[in-house]
Structures are given as C-alpha cells and as structure tokens.
C-alpha cells in the first residue's frame, strides 16, 4: 500500500532510503537535501521509510478498560441513544466522562451506529393458500389500477377447487354499466341517422 506524504513533508520515501544507506555525515546530508540535521538523524535511526502515524499511542480517557467493556455491554443490552447512555454512564460508572469521550469509546469498539445494532424488522410470514376439499369455491375481490377520468374498477375472481385445474371467472359491474351507456349512445346516434335519411329521401322526391 503506497504511503501518503504529509503536505509539509520535505522528504520522499526515495530520499529517506538514500539517507538511511548513505555514508555521508549528518551535516552533509542535511545540506544536500536542504533539510535539518534532526531530520537526517530521525531517518537514519528508523528501519522503514514510511511516515509514522500521528495518532496518539496513549488514549487519554477517563474510562478504564473494565468500564469501557461495561459501556459496550450496555450499548448492546439497552440499545439506547448516546445521550441516554451518557446519563447511565455518569450515574453508575464515571461522572467525569464527556459526551465526545463516550462517543469515541463507542467508535473504537464498533458500536457507534445504533441502527446497525437494532435487530432487523420481522417480515410477515408468507401464508400458503389454505387447502380445501375439491368442490370448494373461493371468491375474492381485486381492485384494478385507477385510470384518470374513469370510475374505480374491481375484479371479482372465483376459484373453484378442482383436482389439477383452476377456474377463474371475472365480472366487472362498472365495466358493464359503461358498455350499456355506450350502447345507449350508439342507439341514439342510429335513430338520428334514420331520421336524417328519411328527411333526405322526402326532399329528393
């Protein structure tokens, strides 16, 4: 994994490797690379050329390792928010702990996200279709998707329990009513056409 250089770093891994292997004096190396003698001394005394982590080796936290273990257990057991857990920690474990310190503790132990600790929501079990004896007729009503400008439509489904076969029959009251209205309009149009034809026949005589 390539090392990331600090934006103010005066040396590169190649320069550091050269300093480690060079037989020149600290003064000569510092003058050659334009760095301080302390920098030369630092890289000559190291076994690697990668920059060390700036993260502190000692974490200053008021919680002891045993108290942190209790906090982690309470996080799993109570599943409470950070502020609620802070109140419990201050009351029963350590009154000097801060909110940010408790948050860092939870992050170090991988329990900072309460959502990740909550159990997944239970899914409704898939119920199988109830088994009936052959000859039973199952009736159901299904609503169809709404169409703008049209009345709500429903489909009535009948399923006959027969060995090896299923019969589905659909009937729609709203559709039947619409067809009746269309038929009435067509009959009215036919009547008007008949009247017009009779009038034209009379005029042509």
N, C-alpha and C. Protein backbone atom coordinates (compact mmCIF):
# COMPACT_ATOMS: atom_id res chain seq x y z
N UNK A 1 0.85 -1.19 0.00
CA UNK A 1 0.00 0.00 0.00
C UNK A 1 0.88 1.24 0.00
N UNK A 2 0.77 2.15 -0.97
CA UNK A 2 1.63 3.33 -1.02
C UNK A 2 1.38 4.24 0.17
N UNK A 3 2.50 4.81 0.70
CA UNK A 3 2.38 5.71 1.83
C UNK A 3 1.96 7.09 1.36
N UNK A 4 1.19 7.77 2.19
CA UNK A 4 0.71 9.11 1.87
C UNK A 4 1.63 10.11 2.52
N UNK A 5 2.11 11.07 1.72
CA UNK A 5 3.03 12.09 2.23
C UNK A 5 2.25 13.23 2.85
N UNK A 6 2.78 13.74 3.94
CA UNK A 6 2.21 14.93 4.55
C UNK A 6 2.44 16.11 3.62
N UNK A 7 1.51 17.07 3.61
CA UNK A 7 1.63 18.19 2.67
C UNK A 7 2.86 19.04 2.95
N UNK A 8 3.41 19.00 4.18
CA UNK A 8 4.61 19.77 4.51
C UNK A 8 5.86 18.92 4.58
N UNK A 9 5.78 17.66 4.11
CA UNK A 9 6.94 16.78 4.16
C UNK A 9 8.05 17.28 3.25
N UNK A 10 9.28 17.28 3.76
CA UNK A 10 10.43 17.74 2.97
C UNK A 10 11.17 16.58 2.31
N UNK A 11 10.80 15.37 2.64
CA UNK A 11 11.48 14.20 2.09
C UNK A 11 10.47 13.24 1.50
N UNK A 12 10.95 12.45 0.55
CA UNK A 12 10.14 11.39 -0.06
C UNK A 12 10.69 10.04 0.40
N UNK A 13 9.94 8.96 0.18
CA UNK A 13 10.47 7.64 0.56
C UNK A 13 11.82 7.34 -0.09
N UNK A 14 12.02 7.80 -1.34
CA UNK A 14 13.31 7.56 -2.01
C UNK A 14 14.44 8.32 -1.31
N UNK A 15 14.17 9.57 -0.91
CA UNK A 15 15.19 10.36 -0.21
C UNK A 15 15.48 9.75 1.15
N UNK A 16 14.46 9.29 1.84
CA UNK A 16 14.66 8.68 3.15
C UNK A 16 15.49 7.41 3.06
N UNK A 17 15.23 6.61 1.99
CA UNK A 17 16.02 5.40 1.79
C UNK A 17 17.48 5.75 1.51
N UNK A 18 17.70 6.79 0.75
CA UNK A 18 19.07 7.23 0.45
C UNK A 18 19.77 7.69 1.72
N UNK A 19 19.04 8.41 2.58
CA UNK A 19 19.63 8.87 3.84
C UNK A 19 20.02 7.69 4.72
N UNK A 20 19.17 6.66 4.77
CA UNK A 20 19.44 5.51 5.61
C UNK A 20 20.69 4.76 5.16
N UNK A 21 20.91 4.70 3.84
CA UNK A 21 22.03 3.91 3.31
C UNK A 21 23.29 4.73 3.08
N UNK A 22 23.17 6.06 3.19
CA UNK A 22 24.32 6.91 2.88
C UNK A 22 25.38 6.84 3.99
N UNK A 23 26.68 6.99 3.56
CA UNK A 23 27.81 7.03 4.49
C UNK A 23 28.23 8.46 4.81
N UNK A 24 27.52 9.44 4.22
CA UNK A 24 27.87 10.83 4.48
C UNK A 24 27.48 11.22 5.90
N UNK A 25 28.04 12.31 6.34
CA UNK A 25 27.74 12.81 7.67
C UNK A 25 26.35 13.44 7.69
N UNK A 26 25.84 13.66 8.89
CA UNK A 26 24.53 14.30 9.01
C UNK A 26 24.55 15.70 8.43
N UNK A 27 25.65 16.42 8.65
CA UNK A 27 25.74 17.79 8.12
C UNK A 27 25.71 17.79 6.61
N UNK A 28 26.43 16.83 5.97
CA UNK A 28 26.49 16.79 4.51
C UNK A 28 25.14 16.38 3.92
N UNK A 29 24.49 15.43 4.55
CA UNK A 29 23.18 15.01 4.05
C UNK A 29 22.14 16.11 4.21
N UNK A 30 22.21 16.83 5.33
CA UNK A 30 21.26 17.92 5.55
C UNK A 30 21.46 19.02 4.52
N UNK A 31 22.68 19.33 4.19
CA UNK A 31 22.96 20.36 3.19
C UNK A 31 22.57 19.88 1.79
N UNK A 32 22.79 18.60 1.50
CA UNK A 32 22.48 18.06 0.17
C UNK A 32 20.98 18.09 -0.11
N UNK A 33 20.19 17.73 0.87
CA UNK A 33 18.74 17.62 0.66
C UNK A 33 17.97 18.82 1.17
N UNK A 34 18.68 19.81 1.75
CA UNK A 34 18.01 21.01 2.23
C UNK A 34 17.09 20.76 3.41
N UNK A 35 17.51 19.90 4.31
CA UNK A 35 16.69 19.58 5.48
C UNK A 35 17.53 19.77 6.73
N UNK A 36 16.89 19.67 7.88
CA UNK A 36 17.60 19.85 9.14
C UNK A 36 18.36 18.58 9.51
N UNK A 37 19.40 18.76 10.34
CA UNK A 37 20.17 17.60 10.78
C UNK A 37 19.32 16.67 11.63
N UNK A 38 18.35 17.23 12.34
CA UNK A 38 17.48 16.38 13.14
C UNK A 38 16.65 15.45 12.26
N UNK A 39 16.25 15.94 11.08
CA UNK A 39 15.50 15.09 10.15
C UNK A 39 16.37 13.96 9.63
N UNK A 40 17.63 14.28 9.33
CA UNK A 40 18.56 13.24 8.87
C UNK A 40 18.76 12.20 9.97
N UNK A 41 18.94 12.67 11.20
CA UNK A 41 19.14 11.76 12.32
C UNK A 41 17.91 10.87 12.54
N UNK A 42 16.72 11.45 12.33
CA UNK A 42 15.49 10.68 12.52
C UNK A 42 15.39 9.53 11.53
N UNK A 43 15.66 9.80 10.25
CA UNK A 43 15.51 8.75 9.25
C UNK A 43 16.66 7.76 9.27
N UNK A 44 17.82 8.14 9.75
CA UNK A 44 18.91 7.18 9.90
C UNK A 44 18.61 6.19 11.02
N UNK A 45 17.84 6.62 12.00
CA UNK A 45 17.54 5.74 13.12
C UNK A 45 16.30 4.88 12.92
N UNK A 46 15.63 5.00 11.80
CA UNK A 46 14.42 4.21 11.55
C UNK A 46 14.71 3.04 10.63
N UNK A 47 13.89 2.01 10.78
CA UNK A 47 14.03 0.81 9.94
C UNK A 47 13.17 0.87 8.68
N UNK A 48 12.21 1.77 8.64
CA UNK A 48 11.32 1.88 7.49
C UNK A 48 11.28 3.33 7.03
N UNK A 49 10.85 3.51 5.77
CA UNK A 49 10.81 4.87 5.19
C UNK A 49 9.41 5.45 5.20
N UNK A 50 8.43 4.67 5.67
CA UNK A 50 7.07 5.18 5.72
C UNK A 50 6.91 6.09 6.93
N UNK A 51 6.11 7.14 6.77
CA UNK A 51 5.88 8.07 7.86
C UNK A 51 5.07 7.38 8.96
N UNK A 52 5.44 7.65 10.20
CA UNK A 52 4.74 7.05 11.33
C UNK A 52 3.39 7.73 11.53
N UNK A 53 2.49 7.01 12.15
CA UNK A 53 1.17 7.56 12.41
C UNK A 53 1.26 8.67 13.45
N UNK A 54 0.44 9.71 13.23
CA UNK A 54 0.39 10.82 14.18
C UNK A 54 -0.67 10.59 15.26
N UNK A 55 -1.34 9.46 15.20
CA UNK A 55 -2.35 9.16 16.21
C UNK A 55 -1.65 8.89 17.54
N UNK A 56 -2.17 9.41 18.62
CA UNK A 56 -1.51 9.21 19.92
C UNK A 56 -1.50 7.74 20.32
N UNK A 57 -0.38 7.32 20.91
CA UNK A 57 -0.26 5.94 21.35
C UNK A 57 -1.02 5.70 22.66
N UNK A 58 -1.18 6.72 23.44
CA UNK A 58 -1.89 6.62 24.70
C UNK A 58 -3.16 7.45 24.60
N UNK A 59 -4.29 6.81 24.75
CA UNK A 59 -5.58 7.49 24.67
C UNK A 59 -5.95 8.02 26.05
N UNK A 60 -6.13 9.32 26.14
CA UNK A 60 -6.48 9.95 27.40
C UNK A 60 -8.00 9.91 27.56
N UNK A 61 -8.48 8.95 28.31
CA UNK A 61 -9.91 8.77 28.53
C UNK A 61 -10.14 8.47 29.99
N UNK A 62 -11.19 9.04 30.57
CA UNK A 62 -11.44 8.77 31.99
C UNK A 62 -11.97 7.37 32.25
N UNK A 63 -12.38 6.66 31.23
CA UNK A 63 -12.92 5.32 31.40
C UNK A 63 -11.80 4.29 31.44
N UNK A 64 -11.87 3.39 32.38
CA UNK A 64 -10.92 2.29 32.43
C UNK A 64 -11.34 1.21 31.43
N UNK A 65 -10.44 0.29 31.07
CA UNK A 65 -10.84 -0.79 30.16
C UNK A 65 -12.05 -1.57 30.66
N UNK A 66 -12.15 -1.78 31.97
CA UNK A 66 -13.31 -2.51 32.50
C UNK A 66 -14.58 -1.68 32.32
N UNK A 67 -14.49 -0.37 32.55
CA UNK A 67 -15.66 0.48 32.37
C UNK A 67 -16.08 0.55 30.91
N UNK A 68 -15.10 0.58 30.00
CA UNK A 68 -15.43 0.58 28.57
C UNK A 68 -16.14 -0.72 28.19
N UNK A 69 -15.72 -1.83 28.75
CA UNK A 69 -16.38 -3.10 28.46
C UNK A 69 -17.83 -3.07 28.94
N UNK A 70 -18.07 -2.45 30.09
CA UNK A 70 -19.44 -2.34 30.60
C UNK A 70 -20.27 -1.43 29.69
N UNK A 71 -19.66 -0.33 29.22
CA UNK A 71 -20.37 0.59 28.32
C UNK A 71 -20.78 -0.14 27.04
N UNK A 72 -19.88 -0.92 26.49
CA UNK A 72 -20.19 -1.66 25.27
C UNK A 72 -21.31 -2.67 25.53
N UNK A 73 -21.26 -3.32 26.68
CA UNK A 73 -22.33 -4.27 27.02
C UNK A 73 -23.67 -3.56 27.15
N UNK A 74 -23.67 -2.40 27.83
CA UNK A 74 -24.91 -1.64 27.98
C UNK A 74 -25.45 -1.17 26.63
N UNK A 75 -24.54 -0.83 25.72
CA UNK A 75 -24.97 -0.40 24.38
C UNK A 75 -25.73 -1.52 23.68
N UNK A 76 -25.21 -2.73 23.80
CA UNK A 76 -25.88 -3.88 23.17
C UNK A 76 -27.17 -4.24 23.91
N UNK A 77 -27.14 -4.15 25.23
CA UNK A 77 -28.29 -4.62 26.01
C UNK A 77 -29.44 -3.62 26.02
N UNK A 78 -29.12 -2.33 26.18
CA UNK A 78 -30.18 -1.33 26.29
C UNK A 78 -30.62 -0.77 24.95
N UNK A 79 -29.68 -0.73 23.97
CA UNK A 79 -29.99 -0.16 22.65
C UNK A 79 -30.54 1.26 22.79
N UNK A 80 -29.83 2.07 23.59
CA UNK A 80 -30.25 3.43 23.83
C UNK A 80 -29.37 4.41 23.07
N UNK A 81 -29.88 5.64 22.91
CA UNK A 81 -29.13 6.68 22.22
C UNK A 81 -27.92 7.11 23.04
N UNK A 82 -27.05 7.89 22.38
CA UNK A 82 -25.81 8.31 23.03
C UNK A 82 -26.10 9.12 24.30
N UNK A 83 -27.05 10.04 24.25
CA UNK A 83 -27.35 10.87 25.41
C UNK A 83 -27.90 10.03 26.57
N UNK A 84 -28.74 9.05 26.28
CA UNK A 84 -29.25 8.18 27.34
C UNK A 84 -28.14 7.34 27.95
N UNK A 85 -27.27 6.82 27.09
CA UNK A 85 -26.16 6.02 27.58
C UNK A 85 -25.18 6.87 28.40
N UNK A 86 -25.02 8.13 28.01
CA UNK A 86 -24.15 9.04 28.76
C UNK A 86 -24.69 9.27 30.17
N UNK A 87 -26.00 9.43 30.29
CA UNK A 87 -26.60 9.63 31.61
C UNK A 87 -26.39 8.41 32.49
N UNK A 88 -26.54 7.21 31.94
CA UNK A 88 -26.33 5.99 32.72
C UNK A 88 -24.86 5.85 33.12
N UNK A 89 -23.96 6.16 32.18
CA UNK A 89 -22.53 6.04 32.46
C UNK A 89 -22.10 7.01 33.56
N UNK A 90 -22.58 8.23 33.49
CA UNK A 90 -22.23 9.21 34.52
C UNK A 90 -22.81 8.86 35.88
N UNK A 91 -23.98 8.27 35.88
CA UNK A 91 -24.66 7.95 37.13
C UNK A 91 -24.05 6.76 37.84
N UNK A 92 -23.64 5.72 37.08
CA UNK A 92 -23.24 4.46 37.71
C UNK A 92 -21.77 4.08 37.48
N UNK A 93 -21.09 4.68 36.50
CA UNK A 93 -19.72 4.26 36.21
C UNK A 93 -18.69 5.35 36.49
N UNK A 94 -18.82 6.47 35.79
CA UNK A 94 -17.80 7.52 35.90
C UNK A 94 -18.45 8.87 35.63
N UNK A 95 -18.56 9.73 36.62
CA UNK A 95 -19.21 11.02 36.41
C UNK A 95 -18.38 12.00 35.58
N UNK A 96 -17.10 11.68 35.35
CA UNK A 96 -16.23 12.61 34.63
C UNK A 96 -16.23 12.39 33.12
N UNK A 97 -16.91 11.37 32.64
CA UNK A 97 -16.88 11.09 31.21
C UNK A 97 -17.66 12.16 30.45
N UNK A 98 -17.16 12.55 29.30
CA UNK A 98 -17.82 13.56 28.46
C UNK A 98 -18.58 12.88 27.33
N UNK A 99 -19.43 13.64 26.70
CA UNK A 99 -20.22 13.09 25.60
C UNK A 99 -19.33 12.68 24.43
N UNK A 100 -18.35 13.55 24.09
CA UNK A 100 -17.44 13.22 22.99
C UNK A 100 -16.56 12.04 23.34
N UNK A 101 -16.13 11.95 24.61
CA UNK A 101 -15.31 10.82 25.02
C UNK A 101 -16.07 9.51 24.95
N UNK A 102 -17.33 9.55 25.34
CA UNK A 102 -18.14 8.33 25.25
C UNK A 102 -18.38 7.95 23.79
N UNK A 103 -18.56 8.96 22.93
CA UNK A 103 -18.76 8.67 21.50
C UNK A 103 -17.51 8.03 20.90
N UNK A 104 -16.33 8.53 21.29
CA UNK A 104 -15.08 7.93 20.79
C UNK A 104 -14.93 6.50 21.29
N UNK A 105 -15.36 6.26 22.51
CA UNK A 105 -15.30 4.90 23.05
C UNK A 105 -16.17 3.95 22.23
N UNK A 106 -17.37 4.39 21.91
CA UNK A 106 -18.27 3.55 21.12
C UNK A 106 -17.71 3.31 19.73
N UNK A 107 -17.07 4.32 19.15
CA UNK A 107 -16.50 4.17 17.81
C UNK A 107 -15.31 3.21 17.83
N UNK A 108 -14.51 3.27 18.86
CA UNK A 108 -13.35 2.36 18.95
C UNK A 108 -13.80 0.91 19.00
N UNK A 109 -14.93 0.67 19.64
CA UNK A 109 -15.40 -0.71 19.79
C UNK A 109 -16.43 -1.10 18.73
N UNK A 110 -16.66 -0.22 17.76
CA UNK A 110 -17.52 -0.57 16.63
C UNK A 110 -19.00 -0.62 16.94
N UNK A 111 -19.44 0.13 17.97
CA UNK A 111 -20.86 0.13 18.32
C UNK A 111 -21.42 1.54 18.29
N UNK A 112 -20.87 2.41 17.45
CA UNK A 112 -21.33 3.80 17.40
C UNK A 112 -22.68 3.93 16.71
N UNK A 113 -22.94 3.07 15.73
CA UNK A 113 -24.18 3.15 14.99
C UNK A 113 -25.25 2.33 15.69
N UNK A 114 -26.25 3.01 16.25
CA UNK A 114 -27.33 2.30 16.92
C UNK A 114 -28.20 1.54 15.93
N UNK A 115 -28.34 2.09 14.73
CA UNK A 115 -29.16 1.43 13.71
C UNK A 115 -28.59 0.06 13.34
N UNK A 116 -27.24 -0.05 13.33
CA UNK A 116 -26.62 -1.33 12.98
C UNK A 116 -26.82 -2.37 14.07
N UNK A 117 -27.08 -1.93 15.32
CA UNK A 117 -27.27 -2.87 16.42
C UNK A 117 -28.70 -3.35 16.55
N UNK A 118 -29.65 -2.58 16.02
CA UNK A 118 -31.05 -2.95 16.15
C UNK A 118 -31.34 -4.19 15.31
N UNK A 119 -32.16 -5.10 15.82
CA UNK A 119 -32.50 -6.30 15.02
C UNK A 119 -33.31 -5.90 13.80
N UNK A 120 -33.15 -6.61 12.71
CA UNK A 120 -33.92 -6.29 11.51
C UNK A 120 -35.41 -6.49 11.76
N UNK A 121 -36.25 -5.68 11.14
CA UNK A 121 -37.69 -5.84 11.34
C UNK A 121 -38.16 -7.20 10.85
N UNK A 122 -39.04 -7.77 11.63
CA UNK A 122 -39.55 -9.10 11.28
C UNK A 122 -40.46 -9.02 10.06
N UNK A 123 -40.23 -9.88 9.13
CA UNK A 123 -41.05 -9.92 7.92
C UNK A 123 -42.28 -10.79 8.17
N UNK A 124 -43.37 -10.34 7.62
CA UNK A 124 -44.61 -11.11 7.77
C UNK A 124 -44.45 -12.46 7.07
N UNK A 125 -44.78 -13.53 7.75
CA UNK A 125 -44.62 -14.85 7.11
C UNK A 125 -45.57 -15.00 5.93
N UNK A 126 -45.07 -15.66 4.93
CA UNK A 126 -45.87 -15.92 3.74
C UNK A 126 -46.82 -17.07 4.04
N UNK A 127 -48.09 -16.75 3.99
CA UNK A 127 -49.08 -17.77 4.30
C UNK A 127 -49.44 -18.56 3.05
N UNK A 128 -49.36 -19.85 3.09
CA UNK A 128 -49.77 -20.64 1.92
C UNK A 128 -51.28 -20.61 1.76
N UNK A 129 -51.71 -20.82 0.53
CA UNK A 129 -53.14 -20.85 0.26
C UNK A 129 -53.75 -22.04 1.00
N UNK A 130 -54.79 -21.74 1.74
CA UNK A 130 -55.40 -22.78 2.58
C UNK A 130 -55.93 -23.91 1.71
N UNK A 131 -55.66 -25.10 2.16
CA UNK A 131 -56.11 -26.29 1.41
C UNK A 131 -57.55 -26.61 1.74
N UNK A 132 -58.34 -26.71 0.70
CA UNK A 132 -59.75 -27.07 0.85
C UNK A 132 -60.02 -28.35 0.09
N UNK A 133 -61.12 -28.95 0.43
CA UNK A 133 -61.53 -30.15 -0.28
C UNK A 133 -61.98 -29.78 -1.69
N UNK A 134 -61.84 -30.68 -2.67
CA UNK A 134 -62.31 -30.41 -4.04
C UNK A 134 -63.79 -30.07 -4.05
N UNK A 135 -64.15 -29.06 -4.84
CA UNK A 135 -65.52 -28.61 -4.92
C UNK A 135 -65.76 -27.29 -4.20
N UNK A 136 -64.77 -26.83 -3.40
CA UNK A 136 -64.92 -25.56 -2.69
C UNK A 136 -64.70 -24.41 -3.66
N UNK A 137 -65.51 -23.36 -3.57
CA UNK A 137 -65.43 -22.19 -4.45
C UNK A 137 -64.92 -21.01 -3.64
N UNK A 138 -63.77 -20.50 -4.02
CA UNK A 138 -63.16 -19.35 -3.33
C UNK A 138 -63.48 -18.07 -4.10
N UNK A 139 -64.09 -17.07 -3.42
CA UNK A 139 -64.44 -15.79 -4.02
C UNK A 139 -63.53 -14.71 -3.46
N UNK A 140 -63.09 -13.81 -4.34
CA UNK A 140 -62.21 -12.73 -3.91
C UNK A 140 -62.50 -11.50 -4.76
N UNK A 141 -62.14 -10.33 -4.22
CA UNK A 141 -62.32 -9.05 -4.91
C UNK A 141 -60.96 -8.38 -5.04
N UNK A 142 -60.59 -8.00 -6.25
CA UNK A 142 -59.32 -7.33 -6.52
C UNK A 142 -59.60 -5.97 -7.12
N UNK A 143 -58.96 -4.92 -6.58
CA UNK A 143 -59.12 -3.57 -7.15
C UNK A 143 -58.09 -3.37 -8.24
N UNK A 144 -58.52 -2.85 -9.37
CA UNK A 144 -57.64 -2.61 -10.51
C UNK A 144 -57.01 -1.24 -10.40
N UNK A 145 -55.89 -1.00 -11.07
CA UNK A 145 -55.25 0.32 -11.02
C UNK A 145 -56.20 1.42 -11.52
N UNK A 146 -56.14 2.56 -10.83
CA UNK A 146 -57.03 3.67 -11.18
C UNK A 146 -56.61 4.29 -12.50
N UNK A 147 -57.58 4.66 -13.33
CA UNK A 147 -57.37 5.33 -14.62
C UNK A 147 -58.01 6.71 -14.54
N UNK A 148 -57.24 7.76 -14.84
CA UNK A 148 -57.81 9.11 -14.75
C UNK A 148 -59.05 9.25 -15.62
N UNK A 149 -60.09 9.84 -15.04
CA UNK A 149 -61.33 10.05 -15.77
C UNK A 149 -62.26 8.86 -15.80
N UNK A 150 -61.84 7.74 -15.23
CA UNK A 150 -62.66 6.54 -15.23
C UNK A 150 -63.04 6.17 -13.79
N UNK A 151 -64.20 5.58 -13.60
CA UNK A 151 -64.58 5.15 -12.24
C UNK A 151 -63.69 4.01 -11.76
N UNK A 152 -63.64 3.89 -10.46
CA UNK A 152 -62.84 2.82 -9.87
C UNK A 152 -63.38 1.46 -10.30
N UNK A 153 -62.49 0.56 -10.69
CA UNK A 153 -62.91 -0.73 -11.18
C UNK A 153 -62.43 -1.84 -10.25
N UNK A 154 -63.26 -2.85 -10.17
CA UNK A 154 -62.94 -4.00 -9.33
C UNK A 154 -63.12 -5.28 -10.15
N UNK A 155 -62.38 -6.27 -9.77
CA UNK A 155 -62.49 -7.56 -10.46
C UNK A 155 -62.89 -8.61 -9.43
N UNK A 156 -63.94 -9.31 -9.74
CA UNK A 156 -64.43 -10.38 -8.88
C UNK A 156 -63.89 -11.70 -9.43
N UNK A 157 -63.16 -12.41 -8.59
CA UNK A 157 -62.49 -13.63 -9.00
C UNK A 157 -63.10 -14.81 -8.25
N UNK A 158 -63.41 -15.84 -8.99
CA UNK A 158 -63.92 -17.07 -8.39
C UNK A 158 -62.99 -18.21 -8.77
N UNK A 159 -62.46 -18.92 -7.77
CA UNK A 159 -61.53 -20.01 -7.99
C UNK A 159 -62.18 -21.29 -7.47
N UNK A 160 -62.41 -22.21 -8.38
CA UNK A 160 -63.01 -23.49 -8.00
C UNK A 160 -61.90 -24.49 -7.71
N UNK A 161 -61.99 -25.11 -6.57
CA UNK A 161 -61.02 -26.12 -6.18
C UNK A 161 -61.33 -27.43 -6.90
N UNK A 162 -60.56 -27.68 -7.97
CA UNK A 162 -60.73 -28.93 -8.69
C UNK A 162 -59.37 -29.58 -8.83
N UNK A 163 -59.30 -30.88 -8.75
CA UNK A 163 -58.01 -31.56 -8.87
C UNK A 163 -57.37 -31.30 -10.22
N UNK A 164 -56.19 -30.70 -10.20
CA UNK A 164 -55.42 -30.49 -11.43
C UNK A 164 -55.87 -29.34 -12.28
N UNK A 165 -56.85 -28.53 -11.85
CA UNK A 165 -57.30 -27.43 -12.70
C UNK A 165 -57.84 -26.33 -11.81
N UNK A 166 -57.83 -25.11 -12.33
CA UNK A 166 -58.39 -23.98 -11.61
C UNK A 166 -59.23 -23.15 -12.55
N UNK A 167 -60.38 -22.75 -12.10
CA UNK A 167 -61.27 -21.95 -12.94
C UNK A 167 -61.36 -20.55 -12.37
N UNK A 168 -61.07 -19.57 -13.19
CA UNK A 168 -61.10 -18.17 -12.78
C UNK A 168 -62.12 -17.45 -13.63
N UNK A 169 -63.07 -16.83 -13.00
CA UNK A 169 -64.12 -16.12 -13.71
C UNK A 169 -64.18 -14.70 -13.18
N UNK A 170 -64.14 -13.70 -14.05
CA UNK A 170 -64.13 -12.29 -13.65
C UNK A 170 -65.35 -11.59 -14.20
N UNK A 171 -65.92 -10.75 -13.34
CA UNK A 171 -67.06 -9.94 -13.74
C UNK A 171 -66.87 -8.56 -13.17
N UNK A 172 -67.23 -7.54 -13.92
CA UNK A 172 -66.97 -6.16 -13.52
C UNK A 172 -68.23 -5.33 -13.73
N UNK A 173 -68.83 -4.92 -12.61
CA UNK A 173 -70.09 -4.18 -12.70
C UNK A 173 -69.90 -2.82 -13.34
N UNK A 174 -68.82 -2.13 -13.01
CA UNK A 174 -68.59 -0.81 -13.58
C UNK A 174 -68.38 -0.89 -15.09
N UNK A 175 -67.68 -1.92 -15.56
CA UNK A 175 -67.44 -2.07 -16.99
C UNK A 175 -68.75 -2.36 -17.72
N UNK A 176 -69.61 -3.17 -17.12
CA UNK A 176 -70.89 -3.48 -17.75
C UNK A 176 -71.74 -2.23 -17.88
N UNK A 177 -71.73 -1.39 -16.81
CA UNK A 177 -72.50 -0.15 -16.86
C UNK A 177 -71.98 0.78 -17.94
N UNK A 178 -70.65 0.83 -18.10
CA UNK A 178 -70.07 1.70 -19.14
C UNK A 178 -70.45 1.21 -20.53
N UNK A 179 -70.44 -0.11 -20.72
CA UNK A 179 -70.84 -0.65 -22.02
C UNK A 179 -72.31 -0.36 -22.33
N UNK A 180 -73.15 -0.41 -21.30
CA UNK A 180 -74.56 -0.09 -21.51
C UNK A 180 -74.74 1.37 -21.93
N UNK A 181 -73.95 2.29 -21.31
CA UNK A 181 -74.05 3.69 -21.69
C UNK A 181 -73.59 3.90 -23.13
N UNK A 182 -72.51 3.22 -23.53
CA UNK A 182 -72.04 3.34 -24.90
C UNK A 182 -73.08 2.80 -25.89
N UNK A 183 -73.73 1.69 -25.51
CA UNK A 183 -74.75 1.12 -26.38
C UNK A 183 -75.94 2.07 -26.54
N UNK A 184 -76.32 2.75 -25.43
CA UNK A 184 -77.43 3.71 -25.50
C UNK A 184 -77.06 4.88 -26.40
N UNK A 185 -75.80 5.35 -26.31
CA UNK A 185 -75.37 6.44 -27.19
C UNK A 185 -75.40 6.01 -28.65
N UNK A 186 -74.96 4.78 -28.90
CA UNK A 186 -74.97 4.32 -30.30
C UNK A 186 -76.41 4.21 -30.82
N UNK A 187 -77.32 3.74 -29.98
CA UNK A 187 -78.72 3.64 -30.41
C UNK A 187 -79.30 5.02 -30.70
N UNK A 188 -78.93 6.02 -29.90
CA UNK A 188 -79.39 7.38 -30.15
C UNK A 188 -78.83 7.91 -31.46
N UNK A 189 -77.56 7.63 -31.74
CA UNK A 189 -76.95 8.08 -32.99
C UNK A 189 -77.62 7.39 -34.19
N UNK A 190 -77.95 6.09 -34.06
CA UNK A 190 -78.61 5.37 -35.15
C UNK A 190 -79.99 5.97 -35.43
N UNK A 191 -80.70 6.33 -34.34
CA UNK A 191 -82.03 6.94 -34.52
C UNK A 191 -81.93 8.27 -35.25
N UNK A 192 -80.90 9.07 -34.90
CA UNK A 192 -80.71 10.36 -35.58
C UNK A 192 -80.38 10.15 -37.05
N UNK A 193 -79.55 9.15 -37.35
CA UNK A 193 -79.20 8.87 -38.74
C UNK A 193 -80.44 8.43 -39.53
N UNK A 194 -81.31 7.63 -38.92
CA UNK A 194 -82.53 7.19 -39.60
C UNK A 194 -83.43 8.38 -39.91
N UNK A 195 -83.57 9.29 -38.95
CA UNK A 195 -84.38 10.48 -39.17
C UNK A 195 -83.81 11.33 -40.29
N UNK A 196 -82.47 11.48 -40.33
CA UNK A 196 -81.83 12.27 -41.38
C UNK A 196 -82.03 11.61 -42.73
N UNK A 197 -81.91 10.28 -42.79
CA UNK A 197 -82.10 9.58 -44.07
C UNK A 197 -83.53 9.73 -44.56
N UNK A 198 -84.49 9.65 -43.65
CA UNK A 198 -85.91 9.82 -44.06
C UNK A 198 -86.17 11.22 -44.56
N UNK A 199 -85.58 12.21 -43.92
CA UNK A 199 -85.78 13.60 -44.36
C UNK A 199 -85.18 13.84 -45.73
N UNK A 200 -83.96 13.31 -45.98
CA UNK A 200 -83.32 13.49 -47.28
C UNK A 200 -84.12 12.76 -48.38
N UNK A 201 -84.65 11.59 -48.06
CA UNK A 201 -85.45 10.86 -49.05
C UNK A 201 -86.72 11.63 -49.40
N UNK A 202 -87.31 12.29 -48.42
CA UNK A 202 -88.52 13.06 -48.66
C UNK A 202 -88.22 14.29 -49.50
N UNK A 203 -87.09 14.94 -49.27
CA UNK A 203 -86.73 16.14 -50.00
C UNK A 203 -86.37 15.84 -51.44
N UNK A 204 -85.85 14.62 -51.68
CA UNK A 204 -85.41 14.30 -53.04
C UNK A 204 -86.57 13.93 -53.96
N UNK A 205 -87.77 13.77 -53.46
CA UNK A 205 -88.91 13.42 -54.31
C UNK A 205 -89.41 14.64 -55.11
